[in-house]
Amino acid sequence: MPNPRTQSPPTIPTAPIEDLLLDARNPRLGRHSIERDLSQDQVLELMQDWSLEELAVSFLESGYWPQEAVLTVREDLGTSKNALVVIEGSRRLAALKMIFRARR
């Protein structure tokens, strides 16, 4: 049996922000919204009222820490490869997407 004291800690896989998608079926968006086929821009617009600015400022001041990892699932959205859809950490991803858009 391996000794847990000598094992390396597990690594968290990473992906570029542009490869991560907001979940257009997130229940927090409301039944009316999730029944529509929303684009990523529309989902981000709906999330504007979710205090994203506070998270964005925190990321800019302190950075993004590994313990704040988001959880994703691979979904077939009709693209050439399965998409990485964020199912936990939507607000964090939305705040990061806002930062990246502002820097363009």
N, C-alpha and C. Protein backbone atom coordinates (compact mmCIF):
# COMPACT_ATOMS: atom_id res chain seq x y z
N MET A 1 0.86 -1.18 0.00
CA MET A 1 0.00 0.00 0.00
C MET A 1 0.90 1.24 0.00
N PRO A 2 0.61 2.20 -0.90
CA PRO A 2 1.44 3.41 -0.96
C PRO A 2 1.34 4.23 0.32
N ASN A 3 2.43 4.88 0.64
CA ASN A 3 2.48 5.75 1.81
C ASN A 3 1.95 7.13 1.42
N PRO A 4 0.82 7.59 2.02
CA PRO A 4 0.25 8.89 1.63
C PRO A 4 1.17 10.06 1.92
N ARG A 5 2.13 9.89 2.82
CA ARG A 5 3.05 10.98 3.13
C ARG A 5 4.06 11.22 2.02
N THR A 6 4.31 10.21 1.20
CA THR A 6 5.31 10.36 0.14
C THR A 6 4.68 10.58 -1.22
N GLN A 7 3.38 10.53 -1.31
CA GLN A 7 2.71 10.75 -2.59
C GLN A 7 2.61 12.24 -2.89
N SER A 8 2.68 12.55 -4.16
CA SER A 8 2.50 13.95 -4.59
C SER A 8 1.02 14.31 -4.50
N PRO A 9 0.75 15.57 -4.18
CA PRO A 9 -0.66 15.99 -4.15
C PRO A 9 -1.26 15.93 -5.55
N PRO A 10 -2.54 15.70 -5.65
CA PRO A 10 -3.17 15.65 -6.99
C PRO A 10 -3.09 17.02 -7.66
N THR A 11 -3.03 17.01 -8.96
CA THR A 11 -3.01 18.27 -9.70
C THR A 11 -4.42 18.58 -10.20
N ILE A 12 -4.69 19.84 -10.33
CA ILE A 12 -5.97 20.29 -10.84
C ILE A 12 -5.77 20.66 -12.30
N PRO A 13 -6.50 19.99 -13.21
CA PRO A 13 -6.34 20.35 -14.63
C PRO A 13 -6.82 21.78 -14.87
N THR A 14 -6.21 22.44 -15.80
CA THR A 14 -6.59 23.81 -16.13
C THR A 14 -7.04 23.88 -17.59
N ALA A 15 -7.76 24.93 -17.90
CA ALA A 15 -8.20 25.19 -19.27
C ALA A 15 -8.25 26.69 -19.46
N PRO A 16 -8.02 27.15 -20.67
CA PRO A 16 -8.15 28.58 -20.93
C PRO A 16 -9.58 29.05 -20.69
N ILE A 17 -9.73 30.28 -20.23
CA ILE A 17 -11.05 30.82 -19.93
C ILE A 17 -11.95 30.76 -21.16
N GLU A 18 -11.40 31.00 -22.33
CA GLU A 18 -12.23 30.99 -23.53
C GLU A 18 -12.78 29.61 -23.86
N ASP A 19 -12.20 28.55 -23.27
CA ASP A 19 -12.70 27.19 -23.47
C ASP A 19 -13.80 26.81 -22.48
N LEU A 20 -14.02 27.65 -21.47
CA LEU A 20 -15.03 27.37 -20.44
C LEU A 20 -16.32 28.11 -20.77
N LEU A 21 -17.43 27.40 -20.69
CA LEU A 21 -18.72 27.99 -21.01
C LEU A 21 -19.58 28.12 -19.77
N LEU A 22 -20.32 29.22 -19.72
CA LEU A 22 -21.32 29.40 -18.67
C LEU A 22 -22.49 28.47 -18.98
N ASP A 23 -23.11 27.94 -17.94
CA ASP A 23 -24.21 27.01 -18.11
C ASP A 23 -25.50 27.76 -18.41
N ALA A 24 -25.96 27.67 -19.64
CA ALA A 24 -27.19 28.35 -20.04
C ALA A 24 -28.43 27.72 -19.41
N ARG A 25 -28.25 26.58 -18.74
CA ARG A 25 -29.37 25.93 -18.05
C ARG A 25 -29.23 26.02 -16.54
N ASN A 26 -28.42 26.96 -16.07
CA ASN A 26 -28.24 27.18 -14.63
C ASN A 26 -29.58 27.60 -14.04
N PRO A 27 -30.09 26.85 -13.05
CA PRO A 27 -31.40 27.20 -12.47
C PRO A 27 -31.47 28.61 -11.91
N ARG A 28 -30.36 29.19 -11.52
CA ARG A 28 -30.38 30.56 -10.98
C ARG A 28 -30.76 31.59 -12.03
N LEU A 29 -30.68 31.22 -13.29
CA LEU A 29 -31.07 32.14 -14.35
C LEU A 29 -32.59 32.29 -14.43
N GLY A 30 -33.32 31.36 -13.84
CA GLY A 30 -34.77 31.39 -13.86
C GLY A 30 -35.34 30.52 -14.97
N ARG A 31 -36.49 29.94 -14.69
CA ARG A 31 -37.12 29.01 -15.65
C ARG A 31 -37.34 29.67 -17.01
N HIS A 32 -37.79 30.92 -17.00
CA HIS A 32 -38.05 31.64 -18.25
C HIS A 32 -36.79 31.68 -19.11
N SER A 33 -35.65 31.90 -18.50
CA SER A 33 -34.40 32.04 -19.25
C SER A 33 -33.83 30.71 -19.69
N ILE A 34 -33.90 29.69 -18.84
CA ILE A 34 -33.26 28.43 -19.21
C ILE A 34 -34.05 27.66 -20.27
N GLU A 35 -35.31 28.04 -20.48
CA GLU A 35 -36.09 27.39 -21.53
C GLU A 35 -35.72 27.93 -22.91
N ARG A 36 -35.04 29.07 -22.96
CA ARG A 36 -34.58 29.64 -24.23
C ARG A 36 -33.18 29.10 -24.52
N ASP A 37 -32.77 29.18 -25.76
CA ASP A 37 -31.42 28.77 -26.15
C ASP A 37 -30.52 30.00 -26.10
N LEU A 38 -30.01 30.32 -24.91
CA LEU A 38 -29.25 31.55 -24.71
C LEU A 38 -27.82 31.41 -25.19
N SER A 39 -27.30 32.49 -25.77
CA SER A 39 -25.88 32.55 -26.13
C SER A 39 -25.07 32.84 -24.87
N GLN A 40 -23.77 32.70 -24.96
CA GLN A 40 -22.90 33.01 -23.83
C GLN A 40 -23.00 34.48 -23.45
N ASP A 41 -23.11 35.36 -24.44
CA ASP A 41 -23.27 36.79 -24.15
C ASP A 41 -24.57 37.06 -23.40
N GLN A 42 -25.64 36.37 -23.78
CA GLN A 42 -26.92 36.56 -23.10
C GLN A 42 -26.87 36.06 -21.66
N VAL A 43 -26.20 34.92 -21.45
CA VAL A 43 -26.07 34.39 -20.09
C VAL A 43 -25.27 35.37 -19.23
N LEU A 44 -24.17 35.86 -19.76
CA LEU A 44 -23.34 36.82 -19.02
C LEU A 44 -24.13 38.09 -18.72
N GLU A 45 -24.94 38.53 -19.64
CA GLU A 45 -25.76 39.73 -19.40
C GLU A 45 -26.76 39.49 -18.27
N LEU A 46 -27.38 38.31 -18.23
CA LEU A 46 -28.31 37.99 -17.15
C LEU A 46 -27.60 37.92 -15.80
N MET A 47 -26.33 37.56 -15.82
CA MET A 47 -25.58 37.40 -14.57
C MET A 47 -25.02 38.72 -14.05
N GLN A 48 -25.18 39.82 -14.77
CA GLN A 48 -24.63 41.11 -14.36
C GLN A 48 -25.10 41.54 -12.98
N ASP A 49 -26.28 41.11 -12.57
CA ASP A 49 -26.82 41.50 -11.26
C ASP A 49 -26.36 40.59 -10.12
N TRP A 50 -25.42 39.72 -10.37
CA TRP A 50 -24.97 38.74 -9.38
C TRP A 50 -23.72 39.19 -8.63
N SER A 51 -23.50 40.46 -8.45
CA SER A 51 -22.34 41.01 -7.72
C SER A 51 -21.01 40.55 -8.32
N LEU A 52 -20.94 40.54 -9.63
CA LEU A 52 -19.72 40.10 -10.30
C LEU A 52 -18.57 41.08 -10.11
N GLU A 53 -18.92 42.37 -9.94
CA GLU A 53 -17.87 43.38 -9.80
C GLU A 53 -17.01 43.12 -8.56
N GLU A 54 -17.65 42.69 -7.46
CA GLU A 54 -16.90 42.38 -6.24
C GLU A 54 -15.88 41.27 -6.48
N LEU A 55 -16.31 40.23 -7.18
CA LEU A 55 -15.39 39.13 -7.48
C LEU A 55 -14.27 39.60 -8.41
N ALA A 56 -14.63 40.37 -9.41
CA ALA A 56 -13.62 40.85 -10.35
C ALA A 56 -12.55 41.67 -9.64
N VAL A 57 -12.97 42.58 -8.75
CA VAL A 57 -12.00 43.38 -7.99
C VAL A 57 -11.13 42.47 -7.13
N SER A 58 -11.72 41.48 -6.49
CA SER A 58 -10.96 40.54 -5.67
C SER A 58 -9.91 39.81 -6.50
N PHE A 59 -10.29 39.35 -7.70
CA PHE A 59 -9.33 38.65 -8.56
C PHE A 59 -8.20 39.58 -8.99
N LEU A 60 -8.55 40.83 -9.32
CA LEU A 60 -7.52 41.78 -9.75
C LEU A 60 -6.56 42.12 -8.62
N GLU A 61 -7.08 42.20 -7.39
CA GLU A 61 -6.23 42.54 -6.24
C GLU A 61 -5.46 41.35 -5.70
N SER A 62 -6.07 40.18 -5.66
CA SER A 62 -5.46 39.03 -4.98
C SER A 62 -5.09 37.88 -5.90
N GLY A 63 -5.55 37.91 -7.13
CA GLY A 63 -5.31 36.79 -8.04
C GLY A 63 -6.37 35.72 -7.87
N TYR A 64 -6.19 34.65 -8.60
CA TYR A 64 -7.12 33.53 -8.58
C TYR A 64 -6.42 32.35 -7.94
N TRP A 65 -6.96 31.84 -6.86
CA TRP A 65 -6.30 30.78 -6.10
C TRP A 65 -6.80 29.41 -6.51
N PRO A 66 -5.94 28.40 -6.49
CA PRO A 66 -6.34 27.04 -6.90
C PRO A 66 -7.52 26.49 -6.09
N GLN A 67 -7.65 26.88 -4.84
CA GLN A 67 -8.77 26.36 -4.04
C GLN A 67 -10.11 26.97 -4.49
N GLU A 68 -10.06 27.89 -5.42
CA GLU A 68 -11.28 28.48 -5.99
C GLU A 68 -11.62 27.84 -7.33
N ALA A 69 -11.14 26.64 -7.56
CA ALA A 69 -11.34 25.97 -8.84
C ALA A 69 -12.83 25.83 -9.15
N VAL A 70 -13.14 25.88 -10.43
CA VAL A 70 -14.51 25.67 -10.87
C VAL A 70 -14.65 24.21 -11.31
N LEU A 71 -15.87 23.71 -11.26
CA LEU A 71 -16.14 22.33 -11.69
C LEU A 71 -16.83 22.38 -13.05
N THR A 72 -16.40 21.51 -13.93
CA THR A 72 -16.97 21.48 -15.28
C THR A 72 -17.44 20.08 -15.63
N VAL A 73 -18.30 20.01 -16.62
CA VAL A 73 -18.69 18.75 -17.24
C VAL A 73 -18.51 18.94 -18.74
N ARG A 74 -18.22 17.84 -19.40
CA ARG A 74 -18.12 17.89 -20.87
C ARG A 74 -19.52 17.63 -21.44
N GLU A 75 -19.95 18.53 -22.32
CA GLU A 75 -21.27 18.39 -22.93
C GLU A 75 -21.13 18.50 -24.45
N ASP A 76 -21.91 17.71 -25.14
CA ASP A 76 -21.98 17.80 -26.59
C ASP A 76 -22.96 18.90 -26.95
N LEU A 77 -22.44 20.01 -27.41
CA LEU A 77 -23.28 21.14 -27.78
C LEU A 77 -23.31 21.33 -29.29
N GLY A 78 -23.01 20.25 -30.00
CA GLY A 78 -23.02 20.31 -31.46
C GLY A 78 -21.75 20.90 -32.05
N THR A 79 -20.73 21.09 -31.23
CA THR A 79 -19.46 21.61 -31.74
C THR A 79 -18.56 20.44 -32.11
N SER A 80 -17.40 20.75 -32.66
CA SER A 80 -16.49 19.69 -33.08
C SER A 80 -15.92 18.92 -31.91
N LYS A 81 -15.88 19.54 -30.75
CA LYS A 81 -15.41 18.85 -29.54
C LYS A 81 -16.39 19.12 -28.41
N ASN A 82 -16.40 18.26 -27.43
CA ASN A 82 -17.29 18.48 -26.29
C ASN A 82 -16.86 19.73 -25.55
N ALA A 83 -17.85 20.52 -25.17
CA ALA A 83 -17.60 21.78 -24.48
C ALA A 83 -17.43 21.54 -22.99
N LEU A 84 -16.62 22.39 -22.35
CA LEU A 84 -16.47 22.37 -20.90
C LEU A 84 -17.45 23.38 -20.32
N VAL A 85 -18.53 22.88 -19.74
CA VAL A 85 -19.57 23.75 -19.18
C VAL A 85 -19.39 23.79 -17.67
N VAL A 86 -19.31 24.99 -17.12
CA VAL A 86 -19.09 25.18 -15.69
C VAL A 86 -20.40 24.94 -14.95
N ILE A 87 -20.36 23.99 -14.00
CA ILE A 87 -21.56 23.70 -13.21
C ILE A 87 -21.40 24.18 -11.76
N GLU A 88 -20.21 24.50 -11.36
CA GLU A 88 -19.96 25.08 -10.03
C GLU A 88 -18.89 26.14 -10.19
N GLY A 89 -19.23 27.37 -9.85
CA GLY A 89 -18.29 28.47 -9.98
C GLY A 89 -18.68 29.41 -11.11
N SER A 90 -19.96 29.44 -11.44
CA SER A 90 -20.43 30.29 -12.54
C SER A 90 -20.13 31.76 -12.31
N ARG A 91 -20.33 32.23 -11.08
CA ARG A 91 -20.07 33.65 -10.78
C ARG A 91 -18.58 33.96 -10.96
N ARG A 92 -17.73 33.05 -10.51
CA ARG A 92 -16.28 33.27 -10.66
C ARG A 92 -15.90 33.33 -12.12
N LEU A 93 -16.42 32.39 -12.92
CA LEU A 93 -16.11 32.40 -14.34
C LEU A 93 -16.66 33.66 -15.01
N ALA A 94 -17.88 34.05 -14.67
CA ALA A 94 -18.46 35.26 -15.27
C ALA A 94 -17.62 36.49 -14.93
N ALA A 95 -17.15 36.58 -13.69
CA ALA A 95 -16.31 37.72 -13.30
C ALA A 95 -15.00 37.72 -14.09
N LEU A 96 -14.41 36.55 -14.25
CA LEU A 96 -13.17 36.46 -15.03
C LEU A 96 -13.40 36.81 -16.50
N LYS A 97 -14.53 36.37 -17.05
CA LYS A 97 -14.84 36.71 -18.44
C LYS A 97 -15.03 38.22 -18.60
N MET A 98 -15.63 38.86 -17.59
CA MET A 98 -15.79 40.32 -17.63
C MET A 98 -14.42 41.00 -17.66
N ILE A 99 -13.50 40.52 -16.84
CA ILE A 99 -12.15 41.10 -16.80
C ILE A 99 -11.48 40.94 -18.16
N PHE A 100 -11.56 39.74 -18.73
CA PHE A 100 -10.91 39.51 -20.02
C PHE A 100 -11.53 40.34 -21.13
N ARG A 101 -12.83 40.54 -21.10
CA ARG A 101 -13.49 41.37 -22.11
C ARG A 101 -13.07 42.82 -21.97
N ALA A 102 -12.93 43.29 -20.74
CA ALA A 102 -12.54 44.68 -20.51
C ALA A 102 -11.12 44.94 -20.97
N ARG A 103 -10.29 43.92 -21.02
CA ARG A 103 -8.89 44.09 -21.42
C ARG A 103 -8.71 44.05 -22.94
N ARG A 104 -9.75 43.72 -23.67
CA ARG A 104 -9.64 43.65 -25.14
C ARG A 104 -9.63 45.01 -25.75
